[in-house]
């Protein structure tokens, strides 16, 4: 391949994917730290509650749906579980946590953080079109890396003289 062709391919793929590379890197950093803080959403209201709960064996999807309606939550249920004496219910826009013994708990209402929540979806999306686009993106990143490595062929800092050592250092 001609040097100009390699340079043009490297440049054009870099420009084309620049926004996605930045978004993906940014959302990846957010995902790495999601256990320490919740960048995807922020709390707008917290409300204390006290209710009578049935025994753990009676807590099922039907009960959780009914409880949500009783608490005034008109959200889609995402999941629920009982661990260490606490029932946790995750809705689309609310989280509920209740102590099984005392019936005391709280409802946390939140909204998605603009831009950040959409960027974080990049790491969670499993739709068919995204898988294919993601594969093409991965192949393009490989192409960008290879064309960048072979683009400069003269001098003391070429891939053949120095670059391969740095690439292996990772």
C-alpha atoms as a PDB file:
ATOM      1  CA  UNK A   1       0.000   0.000   0.000  1.00  0.00           C
ATOM      2  CA  UNK A   2       1.233   3.515  -0.765  1.00  0.00           C
ATOM      3  CA  UNK A   3       2.316   5.708   2.137  1.00  0.00           C
ATOM      4  CA  UNK A   4      -0.307   8.345   1.213  1.00  0.00           C
ATOM      5  CA  UNK A   5      -3.065   5.696   1.180  1.00  0.00           C
ATOM      6  CA  UNK A   6      -2.058   4.437   4.633  1.00  0.00           C
ATOM      7  CA  UNK A   7      -1.940   7.989   5.991  1.00  0.00           C
ATOM      8  CA  UNK A   8      -5.338   8.856   4.457  1.00  0.00           C
ATOM      9  CA  UNK A   9      -6.977   5.676   5.788  1.00  0.00           C
ATOM     10  CA  UNK A  10      -5.538   6.304   9.259  1.00  0.00           C
ATOM     11  CA  UNK A  11      -6.661   9.949   9.250  1.00  0.00           C
ATOM     12  CA  UNK A  12     -10.169   9.331   7.888  1.00  0.00           C
ATOM     13  CA  UNK A  13     -10.959   6.411  10.207  1.00  0.00           C
ATOM     14  CA  UNK A  14      -9.624   8.471  13.110  1.00  0.00           C
ATOM     15  CA  UNK A  15     -11.860  11.412  12.229  1.00  0.00           C
ATOM     16  CA  UNK A  16     -14.886   9.211  11.571  1.00  0.00           C
ATOM     17  CA  UNK A  17     -14.650   7.381  14.894  1.00  0.00           C
ATOM     18  CA  UNK A  18     -13.327  10.253  17.032  1.00  0.00           C
ATOM     19  CA  UNK A  19     -16.684  10.975  18.698  1.00  0.00           C
ATOM     20  CA  UNK A  20     -17.353   7.316  19.415  1.00  0.00           C
ATOM     21  CA  UNK A  21     -13.827   6.773  20.757  1.00  0.00           C
ATOM     22  CA  UNK A  22     -14.232   9.702  23.174  1.00  0.00           C
ATOM     23  CA  UNK A  23     -17.768   8.621  24.194  1.00  0.00           C
ATOM     24  CA  UNK A  24     -16.696   5.023  24.696  1.00  0.00           C
ATOM     25  CA  UNK A  25     -13.618   6.007  26.709  1.00  0.00           C
ATOM     26  CA  UNK A  26     -15.652   8.441  28.834  1.00  0.00           C
ATOM     27  CA  UNK A  27     -18.424   5.925  29.526  1.00  0.00           C
ATOM     28  CA  UNK A  28     -15.823   3.250  30.274  1.00  0.00           C
ATOM     29  CA  UNK A  29     -14.311   5.455  32.983  1.00  0.00           C
ATOM     30  CA  UNK A  30     -17.787   6.015  34.421  1.00  0.00           C
ATOM     31  CA  UNK A  31     -18.506   2.273  34.378  1.00  0.00           C
ATOM     32  CA  UNK A  32     -15.223   1.534  36.154  1.00  0.00           C
ATOM     33  CA  UNK A  33     -16.328   3.670  39.111  1.00  0.00           C
ATOM     34  CA  UNK A  34     -20.046   2.871  39.244  1.00  0.00           C
ATOM     35  CA  UNK A  35     -19.643   1.023  42.567  1.00  0.00           C
ATOM     36  CA  UNK A  36     -18.344   4.183  44.264  1.00  0.00           C
ATOM     37  CA  UNK A  37     -20.889   6.620  42.862  1.00  0.00           C
ATOM     38  CA  UNK A  38     -23.779   6.358  40.467  1.00  0.00           C
ATOM     39  CA  UNK A  39     -22.933   8.512  37.450  1.00  0.00           C
ATOM     40  CA  UNK A  40     -25.864   7.192  35.444  1.00  0.00           C
ATOM     41  CA  UNK A  41     -28.544   8.641  37.722  1.00  0.00           C
ATOM     42  CA  UNK A  42     -29.020  11.104  40.527  1.00  0.00           C
ATOM     43  CA  UNK A  43     -31.464  11.203  43.427  1.00  0.00           C
ATOM     44  CA  UNK A  44     -34.214  13.784  43.395  1.00  0.00           C
ATOM     45  CA  UNK A  45     -36.173  12.560  46.436  1.00  0.00           C
ATOM     46  CA  UNK A  46     -35.829  10.146  49.346  1.00  0.00           C
ATOM     47  CA  UNK A  47     -38.901   9.191  51.365  1.00  0.00           C
ATOM     48  CA  UNK A  48     -39.019   7.099  54.566  1.00  0.00           C
ATOM     49  CA  UNK A  49     -41.665   4.367  54.721  1.00  0.00           C
ATOM     50  CA  UNK A  50     -42.938   1.802  57.209  1.00  0.00           C
ATOM     51  CA  UNK A  51     -45.056  -1.142  56.084  1.00  0.00           C
ATOM     52  CA  UNK A  52     -45.998  -4.644  57.201  1.00  0.00           C
ATOM     53  CA  UNK A  53     -44.261  -7.289  55.115  1.00  0.00           C
ATOM     54  CA  UNK A  54     -45.248 -10.941  54.736  1.00  0.00           C
ATOM     55  CA  UNK A  55     -42.748 -13.742  55.318  1.00  0.00           C
ATOM     56  CA  UNK A  56     -39.906 -13.999  52.833  1.00  0.00           C
ATOM     57  CA  UNK A  57     -41.415 -17.021  51.065  1.00  0.00           C
ATOM     58  CA  UNK A  58     -44.479 -14.936  50.099  1.00  0.00           C
ATOM     59  CA  UNK A  59     -42.435 -12.232  48.387  1.00  0.00           C
ATOM     60  CA  UNK A  60     -42.769 -12.809  44.655  1.00  0.00           C
ATOM     61  CA  UNK A  61     -43.302 -10.782  41.479  1.00  0.00           C
ATOM     62  CA  UNK A  62     -47.042 -10.346  42.163  1.00  0.00           C
ATOM     63  CA  UNK A  63     -46.419  -9.104  45.709  1.00  0.00           C
ATOM     64  CA  UNK A  64     -43.679  -6.718  44.556  1.00  0.00           C
ATOM     65  CA  UNK A  65     -45.931  -5.300  41.825  1.00  0.00           C
ATOM     66  CA  UNK A  66     -48.753  -4.797  44.330  1.00  0.00           C
ATOM     67  CA  UNK A  67     -46.381  -3.213  46.853  1.00  0.00           C
ATOM     68  CA  UNK A  68     -45.155  -0.779  44.223  1.00  0.00           C
ATOM     69  CA  UNK A  69     -48.713   0.333  43.499  1.00  0.00           C
ATOM     70  CA  UNK A  70     -49.446   0.648  47.255  1.00  0.00           C
ATOM     71  CA  UNK A  71     -46.374   2.860  47.640  1.00  0.00           C
ATOM     72  CA  UNK A  72     -47.516   5.058  44.738  1.00  0.00           C
ATOM     73  CA  UNK A  73     -44.827   3.878  42.350  1.00  0.00           C
ATOM     74  CA  UNK A  74     -46.072   3.689  38.794  1.00  0.00           C
ATOM     75  CA  UNK A  75     -42.851   2.297  37.334  1.00  0.00           C
ATOM     76  CA  UNK A  76     -41.813  -0.857  35.569  1.00  0.00           C
ATOM     77  CA  UNK A  77     -40.158  -3.356  37.932  1.00  0.00           C
ATOM     78  CA  UNK A  78     -36.612  -4.226  36.916  1.00  0.00           C
ATOM     79  CA  UNK A  79     -35.723  -6.727  39.664  1.00  0.00           C
ATOM     80  CA  UNK A  80     -36.191  -7.577  43.314  1.00  0.00           C
ATOM     81  CA  UNK A  81     -34.408  -9.692  45.902  1.00  0.00           C
ATOM     82  CA  UNK A  82     -34.236 -10.405  49.603  1.00  0.00           C
ATOM     83  CA  UNK A  83     -30.770 -10.607  51.126  1.00  0.00           C
ATOM     84  CA  UNK A  84     -29.577 -10.387  54.708  1.00  0.00           C
ATOM     85  CA  UNK A  85     -33.017  -9.453  55.988  1.00  0.00           C
ATOM     86  CA  UNK A  86     -33.586  -6.637  53.498  1.00  0.00           C
ATOM     87  CA  UNK A  87     -35.887  -6.556  50.489  1.00  0.00           C
ATOM     88  CA  UNK A  88     -34.580  -4.473  47.602  1.00  0.00           C
ATOM     89  CA  UNK A  89     -36.788  -3.578  44.661  1.00  0.00           C
ATOM     90  CA  UNK A  90     -35.443  -1.780  41.626  1.00  0.00           C
ATOM     91  CA  UNK A  91     -37.910   0.088  39.414  1.00  0.00           C
ATOM     92  CA  UNK A  92     -37.147   2.194  36.344  1.00  0.00           C
ATOM     93  CA  UNK A  93     -37.146   5.468  38.321  1.00  0.00           C
ATOM     94  CA  UNK A  94     -37.266   4.319  41.942  1.00  0.00           C
ATOM     95  CA  UNK A  95     -35.393   2.046  44.316  1.00  0.00           C
ATOM     96  CA  UNK A  96     -37.075   0.623  47.418  1.00  0.00           C
ATOM     97  CA  UNK A  97     -35.209  -0.886  50.351  1.00  0.00           C
ATOM     98  CA  UNK A  98     -37.063  -2.253  53.396  1.00  0.00           C
ATOM     99  CA  UNK A  99     -35.857  -4.055  56.527  1.00  0.00           C
ATOM    100  CA  UNK A 100     -37.824  -7.323  56.720  1.00  0.00           C
ATOM    101  CA  UNK A 101     -38.041  -7.328  60.543  1.00  0.00           C
ATOM    102  CA  UNK A 102     -39.032  -3.717  61.213  1.00  0.00           C
ATOM    103  CA  UNK A 103     -40.798  -2.885  57.938  1.00  0.00           C
ATOM    104  CA  UNK A 104     -38.887   0.403  57.882  1.00  0.00           C
ATOM    105  CA  UNK A 105     -37.257   1.543  54.711  1.00  0.00           C
ATOM    106  CA  UNK A 106     -37.071   4.204  52.069  1.00  0.00           C
ATOM    107  CA  UNK A 107     -38.020   4.989  48.524  1.00  0.00           C
ATOM    108  CA  UNK A 108     -35.348   6.713  46.478  1.00  0.00           C
ATOM    109  CA  UNK A 109     -36.577   8.482  43.363  1.00  0.00           C
ATOM    110  CA  UNK A 110     -34.000   9.350  40.722  1.00  0.00           C
ATOM    111  CA  UNK A 111     -33.644  10.557  37.158  1.00  0.00           C
ATOM    112  CA  UNK A 112     -31.077   9.660  34.542  1.00  0.00           C
ATOM    113  CA  UNK A 113     -28.087  11.979  34.242  1.00  0.00           C
ATOM    114  CA  UNK A 114     -28.272  13.636  30.819  1.00  0.00           C
ATOM    115  CA  UNK A 115     -25.535  12.629  28.338  1.00  0.00           C
ATOM    116  CA  UNK A 116     -23.733  10.394  30.873  1.00  0.00           C
ATOM    117  CA  UNK A 117     -26.554   7.825  31.024  1.00  0.00           C
ATOM    118  CA  UNK A 118     -26.755   7.711  27.219  1.00  0.00           C
ATOM    119  CA  UNK A 119     -22.964   7.311  26.930  1.00  0.00           C
ATOM    120  CA  UNK A 120     -22.980   4.511  29.509  1.00  0.00           C
ATOM    121  CA  UNK A 121     -25.537   2.641  27.393  1.00  0.00           C
ATOM    122  CA  UNK A 122     -22.703   2.059  24.919  1.00  0.00           C
ATOM    123  CA  UNK A 123     -21.249  -0.504  27.323  1.00  0.00           C
ATOM    124  CA  UNK A 124     -24.581  -2.143  28.117  1.00  0.00           C
ATOM    125  CA  UNK A 125     -26.299  -2.315  24.734  1.00  0.00           C
ATOM    126  CA  UNK A 126     -26.723  -5.825  23.334  1.00  0.00           C
ATOM    127  CA  UNK A 127     -29.031  -5.168  20.376  1.00  0.00           C
ATOM    128  CA  UNK A 128     -28.116  -6.880  17.115  1.00  0.00           C
ATOM    129  CA  UNK A 129     -27.326  -3.707  15.193  1.00  0.00           C
ATOM    130  CA  UNK A 130     -25.013  -2.490  17.956  1.00  0.00           C
ATOM    131  CA  UNK A 131     -23.101  -5.786  18.023  1.00  0.00           C
ATOM    132  CA  UNK A 132     -22.345  -5.507  14.295  1.00  0.00           C
ATOM    133  CA  UNK A 133     -21.477  -1.818  14.540  1.00  0.00           C
ATOM    134  CA  UNK A 134     -19.267  -2.581  17.516  1.00  0.00           C
ATOM    135  CA  UNK A 135     -17.466  -5.319  15.561  1.00  0.00           C
ATOM    136  CA  UNK A 136     -16.837  -2.907  12.684  1.00  0.00           C
ATOM    137  CA  UNK A 137     -15.625  -0.315  15.214  1.00  0.00           C
ATOM    138  CA  UNK A 138     -13.233  -2.866  16.749  1.00  0.00           C
ATOM    139  CA  UNK A 139     -11.816  -3.771  13.342  1.00  0.00           C
ATOM    140  CA  UNK A 140     -11.445  -0.077  12.553  1.00  0.00           C
ATOM    141  CA  UNK A 141      -9.519   0.502  15.785  1.00  0.00           C
ATOM    142  CA  UNK A 142      -7.171  -2.327  14.804  1.00  0.00           C
ATOM    143  CA  UNK A 143      -6.743  -0.697  11.386  1.00  0.00           C
ATOM    144  CA  UNK A 144      -6.068   2.706  12.995  1.00  0.00           C
ATOM    145  CA  UNK A 145      -3.443   1.128  15.270  1.00  0.00           C
ATOM    146  CA  UNK A 146      -1.687  -0.747  12.451  1.00  0.00           C
ATOM    147  CA  UNK A 147      -1.725   2.160   9.994  1.00  0.00           C
ATOM    148  CA  UNK A 148      -0.447   4.452  12.748  1.00  0.00           C
ATOM    149  CA  UNK A 149       2.392   2.037  13.465  1.00  0.00           C
ATOM    150  CA  UNK A 150       3.533   1.709   9.842  1.00  0.00           C
ATOM    151  CA  UNK A 151       2.789   5.260   8.741  1.00  0.00           C
ATOM    152  CA  UNK A 152       6.199   6.665   9.743  1.00  0.00           C
ATOM    153  CA  UNK A 153       9.013   4.593   8.259  1.00  0.00           C
ATOM    154  CA  UNK A 154      12.039   6.866   8.625  1.00  0.00           C
ATOM    155  CA  UNK A 155      13.781   8.023  11.811  1.00  0.00           C
ATOM    156  CA  UNK A 156      14.823   6.760  15.229  1.00  0.00           C
ATOM    157  CA  UNK A 157      11.256   6.615  16.634  1.00  0.00           C
ATOM    158  CA  UNK A 158       9.674   4.278  14.080  1.00  0.00           C
ATOM    159  CA  UNK A 159       7.581   1.290  15.044  1.00  0.00           C
ATOM    160  CA  UNK A 160      10.303  -1.105  13.910  1.00  0.00           C
ATOM    161  CA  UNK A 161      12.993   0.547  16.042  1.00  0.00           C
ATOM    162  CA  UNK A 162      11.130   1.731  19.124  1.00  0.00           C
ATOM    163  CA  UNK A 163       7.355   1.477  18.820  1.00  0.00           C
ATOM    164  CA  UNK A 164       7.105  -2.304  19.104  1.00  0.00           C
ATOM    165  CA  UNK A 165       8.746  -2.155  22.559  1.00  0.00           C
ATOM    166  CA  UNK A 166       6.139   0.324  23.799  1.00  0.00           C
ATOM    167  CA  UNK A 167       3.334  -1.735  22.238  1.00  0.00           C
ATOM    168  CA  UNK A 168       4.556  -4.857  24.052  1.00  0.00           C
ATOM    169  CA  UNK A 169       4.902  -2.947  27.330  1.00  0.00           C
ATOM    170  CA  UNK A 170       1.121  -2.870  27.641  1.00  0.00           C
END
